[in-house]
Every structure is written in structure tokens, then in C-alpha cells.
Amino acid sequence: MSASRPSLYGLSREEIGVALDTLAGGPYPSFHSRQIYRWLYERRVLDPEKWTDLPLPLRSLIGSGLEVTPGTIDQQVESKDGAVKYRILLPDGMQVEAVYMVHEDRVTLCRSTQCGCALGCSF
């Protein structure tokens, strides 16, 4: 992952439109940002070359100028009770944490909503 290119992943439809306009000196039609949003979050396809309802030149521009990565699990630690703590590395180099916990009647996933969560959950 490269921090030198902005990431489309995690952006709203409006923010995707701004990223496109910034990348290509826009403005691009707003339906393009809706199409990209659909590919990312509804169809879960992260490769711009496979976004077949977008013009090929736009797909190539996105592929060369923007990141389309959700982050990667950088570290995984399991506790004795079965909980699993994940550290997720974001494209910009920041990190967030998530903890998967199994209870008697449910499963819970706690996910930090900020980089550098101060709670510092430990096992």
C-alpha cells in the first residue's frame, strides 16, 4: 500500500466525486461517483479495471492515481477466552484495532473508530 496516492476506500459518494475531480481536473458527472460507490461497497470489487460501467480511460486514471484498498490485517492476537484482537493497517499508514469476542448468546465485534484509540485493549 502506498501513502503517496489518496485512497477511494472509505469515502462517501460526495467525497469520491471530489477525489475524481481533483485527480482529473474534473468535474466528472455525479453518476460516476455513484457507480464507483456501488462497485466498492455493494459489489465489493476493488479493481477499477473491473468496473465495466465506467469509461475505460476513467478506470485507467483511477488505477494509476488513486488507491483502492480497504487496509490489511497487520497483527492478530488471540486470548485464552477465544477473543481475537486485530490491528488493521490503513493505506495512509495509520492503524485501527478491532476485537472479535464470543459470548454465550452472541458474537461481538468492537472496532475503533479513530486512529490511535486510547483504550489500548489488552488480553
Protein backbone atom coordinates (compact mmCIF):
# COMPACT_ATOMS: atom_id res chain seq x y z
CA MET A 1 0.00 0.00 0.00
CA SER A 2 1.21 3.43 -0.83
CA ALA A 3 0.56 6.52 1.26
CA SER A 4 1.55 8.71 -1.73
CA ARG A 5 -1.77 8.12 -3.51
CA PRO A 6 -5.12 9.00 -1.91
CA SER A 7 -7.47 6.11 -1.23
CA LEU A 8 -11.04 5.90 -2.52
CA TYR A 9 -11.92 3.26 0.02
CA GLY A 10 -13.85 4.65 2.98
CA LEU A 11 -15.12 7.72 1.14
CA SER A 12 -18.74 8.81 0.78
CA ARG A 13 -20.28 9.29 -2.67
CA GLU A 14 -19.65 13.02 -2.42
CA GLU A 15 -16.03 12.53 -1.35
CA ILE A 16 -15.47 10.12 -4.25
CA GLY A 17 -16.71 12.86 -6.59
CA VAL A 18 -14.24 15.35 -5.09
CA ALA A 19 -11.39 12.82 -5.40
CA LEU A 20 -12.24 12.25 -9.08
CA ASP A 21 -12.42 15.97 -9.81
CA THR A 22 -9.11 16.55 -8.02
CA LEU A 23 -7.40 13.68 -9.82
CA ALA A 24 -8.54 14.58 -13.31
CA GLY A 25 -9.20 18.29 -13.08
CA GLY A 26 -12.96 17.46 -13.26
CA PRO A 27 -15.76 17.97 -12.95
CA TYR A 28 -16.93 14.44 -13.58
CA PRO A 29 -20.64 13.63 -13.79
CA SER A 30 -22.01 12.75 -10.35
CA PHE A 31 -23.29 9.39 -11.59
CA HIS A 32 -19.66 8.23 -11.86
CA SER A 33 -19.18 8.60 -8.11
CA ARG A 34 -22.42 6.64 -7.53
CA GLN A 35 -21.14 3.89 -9.83
CA ILE A 36 -17.78 3.71 -8.02
CA TYR A 37 -19.53 3.65 -4.65
CA ARG A 38 -21.66 0.74 -5.84
CA TRP A 39 -18.59 -1.20 -7.04
CA LEU A 40 -16.76 -0.65 -3.75
CA TYR A 41 -19.48 -1.22 -1.17
CA GLU A 42 -22.32 -3.16 -2.80
CA ARG A 43 -20.43 -5.38 -5.23
CA ARG A 44 -17.18 -5.40 -3.22
CA VAL A 45 -14.98 -5.22 -6.31
CA LEU A 46 -11.78 -3.31 -5.60
CA ASP A 47 -10.10 -3.48 -9.02
CA PRO A 48 -11.02 -0.40 -11.11
CA GLU A 49 -10.34 -2.32 -14.31
CA LYS A 50 -13.39 -4.50 -13.50
CA TRP A 51 -15.76 -1.53 -13.07
CA THR A 52 -17.22 -2.16 -16.51
CA ASP A 53 -19.90 0.56 -16.45
CA LEU A 54 -17.22 3.28 -16.21
CA PRO A 55 -15.32 4.53 -19.27
CA LEU A 56 -12.01 2.74 -19.78
CA PRO A 57 -9.93 5.98 -19.64
CA LEU A 58 -11.51 6.83 -16.26
CA ARG A 59 -10.80 3.34 -14.92
CA SER A 60 -7.16 3.63 -16.01
CA LEU A 61 -6.86 7.08 -14.43
CA ILE A 62 -8.27 5.80 -11.14
CA GLY A 63 -5.97 2.77 -11.20
CA SER A 64 -2.87 4.89 -11.72
CA GLY A 65 -3.75 7.85 -9.49
CA LEU A 66 -5.71 6.51 -6.54
CA GLU A 67 -5.50 3.63 -4.05
CA VAL A 68 -8.47 1.29 -3.79
CA THR A 69 -7.51 -0.69 -0.71
CA PRO A 70 -9.50 -1.21 2.48
CA GLY A 71 -6.48 -1.90 4.67
CA THR A 72 -4.78 -5.09 5.75
CA ILE A 73 -4.65 -7.04 8.97
CA ASP A 74 -1.20 -6.24 10.29
CA GLN A 75 -1.36 -8.20 13.55
CA GLN A 76 -3.67 -10.78 15.11
CA VAL A 77 -3.59 -11.80 18.80
CA GLU A 78 -5.86 -14.45 20.33
CA SER A 79 -6.72 -14.56 24.02
CA LYS A 80 -7.41 -17.62 26.19
CA ASP A 81 -11.18 -16.96 26.13
CA GLY A 82 -11.31 -17.03 22.31
CA ALA A 83 -11.39 -13.28 21.68
CA VAL A 84 -9.24 -12.12 18.79
CA LYS A 85 -7.68 -8.66 18.57
CA TYR A 86 -6.77 -7.36 15.10
CA ARG A 87 -4.57 -4.42 14.20
CA ILE A 88 -5.51 -3.07 10.78
CA LEU A 89 -3.03 -1.03 8.77
CA LEU A 90 -4.72 1.63 6.65
CA PRO A 91 -3.39 2.83 3.27
CA ASP A 92 -2.17 6.09 4.85
CA GLY A 93 -0.03 4.20 7.39
CA MET A 94 -2.38 4.80 10.31
CA GLN A 95 -3.72 1.88 12.36
CA VAL A 96 -7.06 0.93 13.89
CA GLU A 97 -7.96 -2.02 16.08
CA ALA A 98 -10.87 -4.45 16.18
CA VAL A 99 -11.67 -7.14 18.73
CA TYR A 100 -13.83 -10.19 17.95
CA MET A 101 -15.48 -11.55 21.13
CA VAL A 102 -17.59 -14.68 21.57
CA HIS A 103 -20.28 -14.57 24.27
CA GLU A 104 -22.73 -17.28 25.33
CA ASP A 105 -25.58 -15.95 23.19
CA ARG A 106 -23.88 -13.69 20.64
CA VAL A 107 -20.72 -12.59 18.90
CA THR A 108 -19.47 -9.00 19.21
CA LEU A 109 -17.03 -7.07 17.07
CA CYS A 110 -15.59 -3.96 18.69
CA ARG A 111 -13.93 -1.68 16.15
CA SER A 112 -12.08 1.50 16.97
CA THR A 113 -13.46 4.47 15.08
CA GLN A 114 -10.35 6.56 15.40
CA CYS A 115 -6.69 6.01 14.68
CA GLY A 116 -4.74 5.60 17.88
CA CYS A 117 -7.69 4.58 20.09
CA ALA A 118 -6.72 5.47 23.67
CA LEU A 119 -8.35 2.45 25.30
CA GLY A 120 -5.46 0.13 24.43
CA CYS A 121 -7.45 -3.06 25.00
CA SER A 122 -5.19 -5.85 26.23
CA PHE A 123 -5.60 -9.54 27.00
